[in-house]
Amino acid sequence: GRRNLYLNTGYHLILDSIRRGLGIGLIAKRFIER
């Protein structure tokens, strides 16, 4: 990527950061189908 943001405290912060538009993350499909 152009830049990296490392959030090693867990996927919950990755998902929250995605919702806030901070970047693109890899998330398990099972957790976000809705």
Full PDB file with SEQRES, HELIX, SHEET, SSBOND, CRYST1, ORIGX, SCALE, CONECT and MASTER records, all heavy atoms in Angstrom:
SEQRES   1 A   34  GLY ARG ARG ASN LEU TYR LEU ASN THR GLY TYR HIS LEU          
SEQRES   2 A   34  ILE LEU ASP SER ILE ARG ARG GLY LEU GLY ILE GLY LEU          
SEQRES   3 A   34  ILE ALA LYS ARG PHE ILE GLU ARG                              
HELIX    1 AA1 TYR A   11  ARG A   19  1                                   9    
HELIX    2 AA2 LYS A   29  PHE A   31  5                                   3    
CRYST1    1.000    1.000    1.000  90.00  90.00  90.00 P 1           1          
ORIGX1      1.000000  0.000000  0.000000        0.00000                         
ORIGX2      0.000000  1.000000  0.000000        0.00000                         
ORIGX3      0.000000  0.000000  1.000000        0.00000                         
SCALE1      1.000000  0.000000  0.000000        0.00000                         
SCALE2      0.000000  1.000000  0.000000        0.00000                         
SCALE3      0.000000  0.000000  1.000000        0.00000                         
ATOM      1  N   GLY A   1       0.807  -1.205   0.000  1.00  0.00           N  
ATOM      2  CA  GLY A   1       0.000   0.000   0.000  1.00  0.00           C  
ATOM      3  C   GLY A   1       0.846   1.263   0.000  1.00  0.00           C  
ATOM      4  O   GLY A   1       2.067   1.226   0.175  1.00  0.00           O  
ATOM      5  N   ARG A   2       0.153   2.409  -0.196  1.00  0.00           N  
ATOM      6  CA  ARG A   2       0.857   3.698  -0.149  1.00  0.00           C  
ATOM      7  C   ARG A   2       1.394   3.960   1.243  1.00  0.00           C  
ATOM      8  O   ARG A   2       2.456   4.552   1.415  1.00  0.00           O  
ATOM      9  CB  ARG A   2      -0.115   4.810  -0.570  1.00  0.00           C  
ATOM     10  CG  ARG A   2       0.491   6.217  -0.531  1.00  0.00           C  
ATOM     11  CD  ARG A   2      -0.496   7.237  -1.033  1.00  0.00           C  
ATOM     12  NE  ARG A   2      -1.646   7.354  -0.142  1.00  0.00           N  
ATOM     13  CZ  ARG A   2      -1.687   8.177   0.907  1.00  0.00           C  
ATOM     14  NH1 ARG A   2      -0.621   8.908   1.223  1.00  0.00           N  
ATOM     15  NH2 ARG A   2      -2.761   8.244   1.652  1.00  0.00           N  
ATOM     16  N   ARG A   3       0.648   3.472   2.244  1.00  0.00           N  
ATOM     17  CA  ARG A   3       1.035   3.668   3.640  1.00  0.00           C  
ATOM     18  C   ARG A   3       0.428   2.523   4.446  1.00  0.00           C  
ATOM     19  O   ARG A   3      -0.554   1.905   4.038  1.00  0.00           O  
ATOM     20  CB  ARG A   3       0.513   5.014   4.147  1.00  0.00           C  
ATOM     21  CG  ARG A   3       0.916   5.339   5.583  1.00  0.00           C  
ATOM     22  CD  ARG A   3       0.586   6.774   5.923  1.00  0.00           C  
ATOM     23  NE  ARG A   3      -0.826   7.071   5.705  1.00  0.00           N  
ATOM     24  CZ  ARG A   3      -1.352   8.289   5.808  1.00  0.00           C  
ATOM     25  NH1 ARG A   3      -0.566   9.319   6.098  1.00  0.00           N  
ATOM     26  NH2 ARG A   3      -2.632   8.492   5.602  1.00  0.00           N  
ATOM     27  N   ASN A   4       1.009   2.247   5.605  1.00  0.00           N  
ATOM     28  CA  ASN A   4       0.533   1.156   6.445  1.00  0.00           C  
ATOM     29  C   ASN A   4       0.148   1.675   7.820  1.00  0.00           C  
ATOM     30  O   ASN A   4       0.818   2.550   8.381  1.00  0.00           O  
ATOM     31  CB  ASN A   4       1.612   0.076   6.599  1.00  0.00           C  
ATOM     32  CG  ASN A   4       1.973  -0.553   5.272  1.00  0.00           C  
ATOM     33  OD1 ASN A   4       1.173  -1.257   4.669  1.00  0.00           O  
ATOM     34  ND2 ASN A   4       3.192  -0.287   4.805  1.00  0.00           N  
ATOM     35  N   LEU A   5      -0.933   1.122   8.365  1.00  0.00           N  
ATOM     36  CA  LEU A   5      -1.369   1.443   9.712  1.00  0.00           C  
ATOM     37  C   LEU A   5      -1.487   0.126  10.468  1.00  0.00           C  
ATOM     38  O   LEU A   5      -2.324  -0.722  10.146  1.00  0.00           O  
ATOM     39  CB  LEU A   5      -2.720   2.165   9.678  1.00  0.00           C  
ATOM     40  CG  LEU A   5      -3.314   2.613  11.022  1.00  0.00           C  
ATOM     41  CD1 LEU A   5      -2.343   3.516  11.770  1.00  0.00           C  
ATOM     42  CD2 LEU A   5      -4.640   3.341  10.790  1.00  0.00           C  
ATOM     43  N   TYR A   6      -0.611  -0.065  11.463  1.00  0.00           N  
ATOM     44  CA  TYR A   6      -0.559  -1.324  12.213  1.00  0.00           C  
ATOM     45  C   TYR A   6      -1.338  -1.163  13.521  1.00  0.00           C  
ATOM     46  O   TYR A   6      -0.976  -0.345  14.368  1.00  0.00           O  
ATOM     47  CB  TYR A   6       0.887  -1.706  12.506  1.00  0.00           C  
ATOM     48  CG  TYR A   6       1.704  -1.971  11.255  1.00  0.00           C  
ATOM     49  CD1 TYR A   6       2.465  -0.956  10.684  1.00  0.00           C  
ATOM     50  CD2 TYR A   6       1.696  -3.219  10.652  1.00  0.00           C  
ATOM     51  CE1 TYR A   6       3.205  -1.187   9.527  1.00  0.00           C  
ATOM     52  CE2 TYR A   6       2.434  -3.470   9.511  1.00  0.00           C  
ATOM     53  CZ  TYR A   6       3.185  -2.453   8.941  1.00  0.00           C  
ATOM     54  OH  TYR A   6       3.911  -2.693   7.803  1.00  0.00           O  
ATOM     55  N   LEU A   7      -2.396  -1.949  13.657  1.00  0.00           N  
ATOM     56  CA  LEU A   7      -3.250  -1.915  14.846  1.00  0.00           C  
ATOM     57  C   LEU A   7      -3.261  -3.319  15.446  1.00  0.00           C  
ATOM     58  O   LEU A   7      -4.182  -4.108  15.219  1.00  0.00           O  
ATOM     59  CB  LEU A   7      -4.673  -1.474  14.472  1.00  0.00           C  
ATOM     60  CG  LEU A   7      -4.765  -0.087  13.816  1.00  0.00           C  
ATOM     61  CD1 LEU A   7      -6.161   0.147  13.263  1.00  0.00           C  
ATOM     62  CD2 LEU A   7      -4.405   0.999  14.822  1.00  0.00           C  
ATOM     63  N   ASN A   8      -2.240  -3.624  16.203  1.00  0.00           N  
ATOM     64  CA  ASN A   8      -2.029  -4.997  16.662  1.00  0.00           C  
ATOM     65  C   ASN A   8      -2.898  -5.398  17.846  1.00  0.00           C  
ATOM     66  O   ASN A   8      -2.692  -6.456  18.433  1.00  0.00           O  
ATOM     67  CB  ASN A   8      -0.550  -5.195  17.021  1.00  0.00           C  
ATOM     68  CG  ASN A   8       0.346  -5.034  15.802  1.00  0.00           C  
ATOM     69  OD1 ASN A   8      -0.040  -5.388  14.692  1.00  0.00           O  
ATOM     70  ND2 ASN A   8       1.528  -4.488  16.000  1.00  0.00           N  
ATOM     71  N   THR A   9      -3.853  -4.545  18.210  1.00  0.00           N  
ATOM     72  CA  THR A   9      -4.717  -4.885  19.348  1.00  0.00           C  
ATOM     73  C   THR A   9      -5.914  -5.729  18.949  1.00  0.00           C  
ATOM     74  O   THR A   9      -6.674  -6.158  19.809  1.00  0.00           O  
ATOM     75  CB  THR A   9      -5.209  -3.606  20.030  1.00  0.00           C  
ATOM     76  OG1 THR A   9      -5.782  -2.743  19.045  1.00  0.00           O  
ATOM     77  CG2 THR A   9      -4.074  -2.899  20.726  1.00  0.00           C  
ATOM     78  N   GLY A  10      -6.111  -5.978  17.644  1.00  0.00           N  
ATOM     79  CA  GLY A  10      -7.181  -6.886  17.252  1.00  0.00           C  
ATOM     80  C   GLY A  10      -8.013  -6.375  16.090  1.00  0.00           C  
ATOM     81  O   GLY A  10      -7.952  -5.204  15.697  1.00  0.00           O  
ATOM     82  N   TYR A  11      -8.828  -7.292  15.548  1.00  0.00           N  
ATOM     83  CA  TYR A  11      -9.628  -6.982  14.365  1.00  0.00           C  
ATOM     84  C   TYR A  11     -10.742  -5.984  14.659  1.00  0.00           C  
ATOM     85  O   TYR A  11     -11.254  -5.348  13.733  1.00  0.00           O  
ATOM     86  CB  TYR A  11     -10.219  -8.267  13.782  1.00  0.00           C  
ATOM     87  CG  TYR A  11      -9.206  -9.114  13.050  1.00  0.00           C  
ATOM     88  CD1 TYR A  11      -8.657 -10.231  13.649  1.00  0.00           C  
ATOM     89  CD2 TYR A  11      -8.791  -8.784  11.762  1.00  0.00           C  
ATOM     90  CE1 TYR A  11      -7.707 -11.006  12.984  1.00  0.00           C  
ATOM     91  CE2 TYR A  11      -7.852  -9.537  11.094  1.00  0.00           C  
ATOM     92  CZ  TYR A  11      -7.304 -10.654  11.712  1.00  0.00           C  
ATOM     93  OH  TYR A  11      -6.374 -11.402  11.058  1.00  0.00           O  
ATOM     94  N   HIS A  12     -11.144  -5.857  15.931  1.00  0.00           N  
ATOM     95  CA  HIS A  12     -12.198  -4.897  16.234  1.00  0.00           C  
ATOM     96  C   HIS A  12     -11.751  -3.472  15.912  1.00  0.00           C  
ATOM     97  O   HIS A  12     -12.543  -2.657  15.429  1.00  0.00           O  
ATOM     98  CB  HIS A  12     -12.633  -5.005  17.694  1.00  0.00           C  
ATOM     99  CG  HIS A  12     -11.536  -4.810  18.684  1.00  0.00           C  
ATOM    100  ND1 HIS A  12     -10.441  -5.639  18.771  1.00  0.00           N  
ATOM    101  CD2 HIS A  12     -11.366  -3.854  19.645  1.00  0.00           C  
ATOM    102  CE1 HIS A  12      -9.645  -5.214  19.733  1.00  0.00           C  
ATOM    103  NE2 HIS A  12     -10.167  -4.141  20.274  1.00  0.00           N  
ATOM    104  N   LEU A  13     -10.462  -3.162  16.137  1.00  0.00           N  
ATOM    105  CA  LEU A  13      -9.953  -1.827  15.788  1.00  0.00           C  
ATOM    106  C   LEU A  13      -9.777  -1.676  14.288  1.00  0.00           C  
ATOM    107  O   LEU A  13      -9.960  -0.585  13.744  1.00  0.00           O  
ATOM    108  CB  LEU A  13      -8.627  -1.564  16.501  1.00  0.00           C  
ATOM    109  CG  LEU A  13      -8.709  -1.084  17.952  1.00  0.00           C  
ATOM    110  CD1 LEU A  13      -7.333  -0.728  18.473  1.00  0.00           C  
ATOM    111  CD2 LEU A  13      -9.642   0.105  18.086  1.00  0.00           C  
ATOM    112  N   ILE A  14      -9.404  -2.769  13.615  1.00  0.00           N  
ATOM    113  CA  ILE A  14      -9.312  -2.716  12.154  1.00  0.00           C  
ATOM    114  C   ILE A  14     -10.675  -2.366  11.573  1.00  0.00           C  
ATOM    115  O   ILE A  14     -10.810  -1.479  10.718  1.00  0.00           O  
ATOM    116  CB  ILE A  14      -8.825  -4.066  11.587  1.00  0.00           C  
ATOM    117  CG1 ILE A  14      -7.427  -4.410  12.118  1.00  0.00           C  
ATOM    118  CG2 ILE A  14      -8.834  -4.041  10.062  1.00  0.00           C  
ATOM    119  CD1 ILE A  14      -6.341  -3.472  11.657  1.00  0.00           C  
ATOM    120  N   LEU A  15     -11.710  -3.051  12.044  1.00  0.00           N  
ATOM    121  CA  LEU A  15     -13.057  -2.814  11.526  1.00  0.00           C  
ATOM    122  C   LEU A  15     -13.530  -1.399  11.837  1.00  0.00           C  
ATOM    123  O   LEU A  15     -14.125  -0.725  10.982  1.00  0.00           O  
ATOM    124  CB  LEU A  15     -14.016  -3.854  12.113  1.00  0.00           C  
ATOM    125  CG  LEU A  15     -15.417  -3.942  11.513  1.00  0.00           C  
ATOM    126  CD1 LEU A  15     -15.369  -4.061   9.997  1.00  0.00           C  
ATOM    127  CD2 LEU A  15     -16.162  -5.118  12.116  1.00  0.00           C  
ATOM    128  N   ASP A  16     -13.255  -0.923  13.025  1.00  0.00           N  
ATOM    129  CA  ASP A  16     -13.647   0.441  13.378  1.00  0.00           C  
ATOM    130  C   ASP A  16     -12.912   1.456  12.507  1.00  0.00           C  
ATOM    131  O   ASP A  16     -13.494   2.459  12.074  1.00  0.00           O  
ATOM    132  CB  ASP A  16     -13.346   0.694  14.857  1.00  0.00           C  
ATOM    133  CG  ASP A  16     -13.914   2.025  15.343  1.00  0.00           C  
ATOM    134  OD1 ASP A  16     -15.105   2.289  15.092  1.00  0.00           O  
ATOM    135  OD2 ASP A  16     -13.165   2.801  15.965  1.00  0.00           O  
ATOM    136  N   SER A  17     -11.642   1.192  12.222  1.00  0.00           N  
ATOM    137  CA  SER A  17     -10.865   2.103  11.372  1.00  0.00           C  
ATOM    138  C   SER A  17     -11.370   2.092   9.935  1.00  0.00           C  
ATOM    139  O   SER A  17     -11.364   3.128   9.260  1.00  0.00           O  
ATOM    140  CB  SER A  17      -9.385   1.700  11.409  1.00  0.00           C  
ATOM    141  OG  SER A  17      -8.870   1.797  12.712  1.00  0.00           O  
ATOM    142  N   ILE A  18     -11.808   0.934   9.465  1.00  0.00           N  
ATOM    143  CA  ILE A  18     -12.396   0.857   8.120  1.00  0.00           C  
ATOM    144  C   ILE A  18     -13.660   1.706   8.063  1.00  0.00           C  
ATOM    145  O   ILE A  18     -13.858   2.490   7.121  1.00  0.00           O  
ATOM    146  CB  ILE A  18     -12.715  -0.603   7.750  1.00  0.00           C  
ATOM    147  CG1 ILE A  18     -11.432  -1.414   7.599  1.00  0.00           C  
ATOM    148  CG2 ILE A  18     -13.532  -0.666   6.456  1.00  0.00           C  
ATOM    149  CD1 ILE A  18     -11.658  -2.912   7.448  1.00  0.00           C  
ATOM    150  N   ARG A  19     -14.515   1.568   9.063  1.00  0.00           N  
ATOM    151  CA  ARG A  19     -15.767   2.345   9.085  1.00  0.00           C  
ATOM    152  C   ARG A  19     -15.499   3.842   9.075  1.00  0.00           C  
ATOM    153  O   ARG A  19     -16.271   4.623   8.520  1.00  0.00           O  
ATOM    154  CB  ARG A  19     -16.576   1.966  10.318  1.00  0.00           C  
ATOM    155  CG  ARG A  19     -17.103   0.533  10.324  1.00  0.00           C  
ATOM    156  CD  ARG A  19     -17.924   0.279  11.575  1.00  0.00           C  
ATOM    157  NE  ARG A  19     -18.432  -1.078  11.647  1.00  0.00           N  
ATOM    158  CZ  ARG A  19     -18.167  -1.931  12.620  1.00  0.00           C  
ATOM    159  NH1 ARG A  19     -17.377  -1.568  13.628  1.00  0.00           N  
ATOM    160  NH2 ARG A  19     -18.690  -3.147  12.616  1.00  0.00           N  
ATOM    161  N   ARG A  20     -14.389   4.243   9.703  1.00  0.00           N  
ATOM    162  CA  ARG A  20     -14.047   5.668   9.761  1.00  0.00           C  
ATOM    163  C   ARG A  20     -13.297   6.154   8.522  1.00  0.00           C  
ATOM    164  O   ARG A  20     -12.908   7.312   8.448  1.00  0.00           O  
ATOM    165  CB  ARG A  20     -13.208   5.948  11.012  1.00  0.00           C  
ATOM    166  CG  ARG A  20     -13.951   5.691  12.305  1.00  0.00           C  
ATOM    167  CD  ARG A  20     -13.035   5.818  13.512  1.00  0.00           C  
ATOM    168  NE  ARG A  20     -13.718   5.451  14.741  1.00  0.00           N  
ATOM    169  CZ  ARG A  20     -14.450   6.276  15.478  1.00  0.00           C  
ATOM    170  NH1 ARG A  20     -14.584   7.543  15.095  1.00  0.00           N  
ATOM    171  NH2 ARG A  20     -15.038   5.866  16.572  1.00  0.00           N  
ATOM    172  N   GLY A  21     -13.076   5.269   7.566  1.00  0.00           N  
ATOM    173  CA  GLY A  21     -12.429   5.663   6.325  1.00  0.00           C  
ATOM    174  C   GLY A  21     -10.932   5.837   6.406  1.00  0.00           C  
ATOM    175  O   GLY A  21     -10.324   6.510   5.555  1.00  0.00           O  
ATOM    176  N   LEU A  22     -10.287   5.221   7.411  1.00  0.00           N  
ATOM    177  CA  LEU A  22      -8.847   5.390   7.581  1.00  0.00           C  
ATOM    178  C   LEU A  22      -8.031   4.552   6.606  1.00  0.00           C  
ATOM    179  O   LEU A  22      -6.841   4.812   6.427  1.00  0.00           O  
ATOM    180  CB  LEU A  22      -8.447   5.034   9.020  1.00  0.00           C  
ATOM    181  CG  LEU A  22      -9.022   5.923  10.120  1.00  0.00           C  
ATOM    182  CD1 LEU A  22      -8.486   5.485  11.480  1.00  0.00           C  
ATOM    183  CD2 LEU A  22      -8.689   7.391   9.864  1.00  0.00           C  
ATOM    184  N   GLY A  23      -8.644   3.542   6.015  1.00  0.00           N  
ATOM    185  CA  GLY A  23      -7.892   2.705   5.089  1.00  0.00           C  
ATOM    186  C   GLY A  23      -8.675   1.465   4.720  1.00  0.00           C  
ATOM    187  O   GLY A  23      -9.886   1.363   4.962  1.00  0.00           O  
ATOM    188  N   ILE A  24      -7.952   0.517   4.123  1.00  0.00           N  
ATOM    189  CA  ILE A  24      -8.534  -0.741   3.647  1.00  0.00           C  
ATOM    190  C   ILE A  24      -7.985  -1.874   4.508  1.00  0.00           C  
ATOM    191  O   ILE A  24      -6.779  -1.957   4.745  1.00  0.00           O  
ATOM    192  CB  ILE A  24      -8.176  -0.982   2.171  1.00  0.00           C  
ATOM    193  CG1 ILE A  24      -8.672   0.185   1.316  1.00  0.00           C  
ATOM    194  CG2 ILE A  24      -8.770  -2.302   1.672  1.00  0.00           C  
ATOM    195  CD1 ILE A  24      -8.099   0.201  -0.096  1.00  0.00           C  
ATOM    196  N   GLY A  25      -8.859  -2.732   4.998  1.00  0.00           N  
ATOM    197  CA  GLY A  25      -8.426  -3.824   5.861  1.00  0.00           C  
ATOM    198  C   GLY A  25      -8.956  -5.158   5.395  1.00  0.00           C  
ATOM    199  O   GLY A  25      -9.922  -5.240   4.618  1.00  0.00           O  
ATOM    200  N   LEU A  26      -8.323  -6.221   5.882  1.00  0.00           N  
ATOM    201  CA  LEU A  26      -8.774  -7.584   5.613  1.00  0.00           C  
ATOM    202  C   LEU A  26      -9.625  -8.051   6.795  1.00  0.00           C  
ATOM    203  O   LEU A  26      -9.147  -8.095   7.931  1.00  0.00           O  
ATOM    204  CB  LEU A  26      -7.579  -8.523   5.430  1.00  0.00           C  
ATOM    205  CG  LEU A  26      -6.767  -8.346   4.147  1.00  0.00           C  
ATOM    206  CD1 LEU A  26      -5.495  -9.181   4.212  1.00  0.00           C  
ATOM    207  CD2 LEU A  26      -7.592  -8.725   2.917  1.00  0.00           C  
ATOM    208  N   ILE A  27     -10.866  -8.407   6.526  1.00  0.00           N  
ATOM    209  CA  ILE A  27     -11.810  -8.802   7.574  1.00  0.00           C  
ATOM    210  C   ILE A  27     -12.498 -10.097   7.144  1.00  0.00           C  
ATOM    211  O   ILE A  27     -12.833 -10.278   5.966  1.00  0.00           O  
ATOM    212  CB  ILE A  27     -12.874  -7.710   7.825  1.00  0.00           C  
ATOM    213  CG1 ILE A  27     -12.208  -6.438   8.347  1.00  0.00           C  
ATOM    214  CG2 ILE A  27     -13.940  -8.184   8.801  1.00  0.00           C  
ATOM    215  CD1 ILE A  27     -11.630  -6.550   9.733  1.00  0.00           C  
ATOM    216  N   ALA A  28     -12.725 -10.993   8.101  1.00  0.00           N  
ATOM    217  CA  ALA A  28     -13.436 -12.240   7.811  1.00  0.00           C  
ATOM    218  C   ALA A  28     -14.860 -11.937   7.363  1.00  0.00           C  
ATOM    219  O   ALA A  28     -15.590 -11.189   8.014  1.00  0.00           O  
ATOM    220  CB  ALA A  28     -13.441 -13.144   9.039  1.00  0.00           C  
ATOM    221  N   LYS A  29     -15.241 -12.537   6.255  1.00  0.00           N  
ATOM    222  CA  LYS A  29     -16.566 -12.312   5.680  1.00  0.00           C  
ATOM    223  C   LYS A  29     -17.671 -12.609   6.682  1.00  0.00           C  
ATOM    224  O   LYS A  29     -18.686 -11.914   6.737  1.00  0.00           O  
ATOM    225  CB  LYS A  29     -16.731 -13.180   4.442  1.00  0.00           C  
ATOM    226  CG  LYS A  29     -18.074 -13.044   3.731  1.00  0.00           C  
ATOM    227  CD  LYS A  29     -18.152 -13.976   2.549  1.00  0.00           C  
ATOM    228  CE  LYS A  29     -19.512 -13.866   1.848  1.00  0.00           C  
ATOM    229  NZ  LYS A  29     -19.619 -14.829   0.723  1.00  0.00           N  
ATOM    230  N   ARG A  30     -17.481 -13.639   7.500  1.00  0.00           N  
ATOM    231  CA  ARG A  30     -18.493 -14.058   8.474  1.00  0.00           C  
ATOM    232  C   ARG A  30     -18.911 -12.911   9.399  1.00  0.00           C  
ATOM    233  O   ARG A  30     -20.066 -12.833   9.821  1.00  0.00           O  
ATOM    234  CB  ARG A  30     -17.920 -15.199   9.311  1.00  0.00           C  
ATOM    235  CG  ARG A  30     -18.792 -15.677  10.439  1.00  0.00           C  
ATOM    236  CD  ARG A  30     -18.090 -16.737  11.241  1.00  0.00           C  
ATOM    237  NE  ARG A  30     -17.655 -17.839  10.412  1.00  0.00           N  
ATOM    238  CZ  ARG A  30     -18.436 -18.840  10.008  1.00  0.00           C  
ATOM    239  NH1 ARG A  30     -19.697 -18.858  10.377  1.00  0.00           N  
ATOM    240  NH2 ARG A  30     -17.956 -19.796   9.255  1.00  0.00           N  
ATOM    241  N   PHE A  31     -17.971 -12.016   9.713  1.00  0.00           N  
ATOM    242  CA  PHE A  31     -18.227 -10.984  10.706  1.00  0.00           C  
ATOM    243  C   PHE A  31     -18.924  -9.744  10.147  1.00  0.00           C  
ATOM    244  O   PHE A  31     -19.350  -8.881  10.924  1.00  0.00           O  
ATOM    245  CB  PHE A  31     -16.926 -10.551  11.369  1.00  0.00           C  
ATOM    246  CG  PHE A  31     -16.214 -11.659  12.104  1.00  0.00           C  
ATOM    247  CD1 PHE A  31     -14.840 -11.640  12.258  1.00  0.00           C  
ATOM    248  CD2 PHE A  31     -16.922 -12.726  12.634  1.00  0.00           C  
ATOM    249  CE1 PHE A  31     -14.186 -12.661  12.932  1.00  0.00           C  
ATOM    250  CE2 PHE A  31     -16.280 -13.752  13.310  1.00  0.00           C  
ATOM    251  CZ  PHE A  31     -14.908 -13.710  13.454  1.00  0.00           C  
ATOM    252  N   ILE A  32     -19.007  -9.614   8.837  1.00  0.00           N  
ATOM    253  CA  ILE A  32     -19.498  -8.361   8.255  1.00  0.00           C  
ATOM    254  C   ILE A  32     -20.561  -8.573   7.188  1.00  0.00           C  
ATOM    255  O   ILE A  32     -20.852  -7.651   6.421  1.00  0.00           O  
ATOM    256  CB  ILE A  32     -18.316  -7.565   7.646  1.00  0.00           C  
ATOM    257  CG1 ILE A  32     -17.518  -8.451   6.667  1.00  0.00           C  
ATOM    258  CG2 ILE A  32     -17.422  -7.002   8.723  1.00  0.00           C  
ATOM    259  CD1 ILE A  32     -16.446  -7.696   5.910  1.00  0.00           C  
ATOM    260  N   GLU A  33     -21.163  -9.760   7.131  1.00  0.00           N  
ATOM    261  CA  GLU A  33     -22.120 -10.037   6.063  1.00  0.00           C  
ATOM    262  C   GLU A  33     -23.315  -9.084   6.099  1.00  0.00           C  
ATOM    263  O   GLU A  33     -23.804  -8.657   5.051  1.00  0.00           O  
ATOM    264  CB  GLU A  33     -22.576 -11.496   6.146  1.00  0.00           C  
ATOM    265  CG  GLU A  33     -21.474 -12.468   5.720  1.00  0.00           C  
ATOM    266  CD  GLU A  33     -21.929 -13.919   5.751  1.00  0.00           C  
ATOM    267  OE1 GLU A  33     -22.776 -14.243   6.596  1.00  0.00           O  
ATOM    268  OE2 GLU A  33     -21.438 -14.695   4.928  1.00  0.00           O  
ATOM    269  N   ARG A  34     -23.798  -8.746   7.301  1.00  0.00           N  
ATOM    270  CA  ARG A  34     -24.935  -7.832   7.402  1.00  0.00           C  
ATOM    271  C   ARG A  34     -24.567  -6.444   6.867  1.00  0.00           C  
ATOM    272  O   ARG A  34     -25.358  -5.800   6.172  1.00  0.00           O  
ATOM    273  CB  ARG A  34     -25.407  -7.729   8.852  1.00  0.00           C  
ATOM    274  CG  ARG A  34     -26.054  -9.004   9.403  1.00  0.00           C  
ATOM    275  CD  ARG A  34     -26.738  -8.695  10.730  1.00  0.00           C  
ATOM    276  NE  ARG A  34     -27.327  -9.875  11.339  1.00  0.00           N  
ATOM    277  CZ  ARG A  34     -26.755 -10.609  12.267  1.00  0.00           C  
ATOM    278  NH1 ARG A  34     -25.548 -10.287  12.704  1.00  0.00           N  
ATOM    279  NH2 ARG A  34     -27.360 -11.670  12.782  1.00  0.00           N  
TER     280      ARG A  34                                                      
MASTER        0    0    0    2    0    0    0    6  279    1    0    3          
END                                                                             
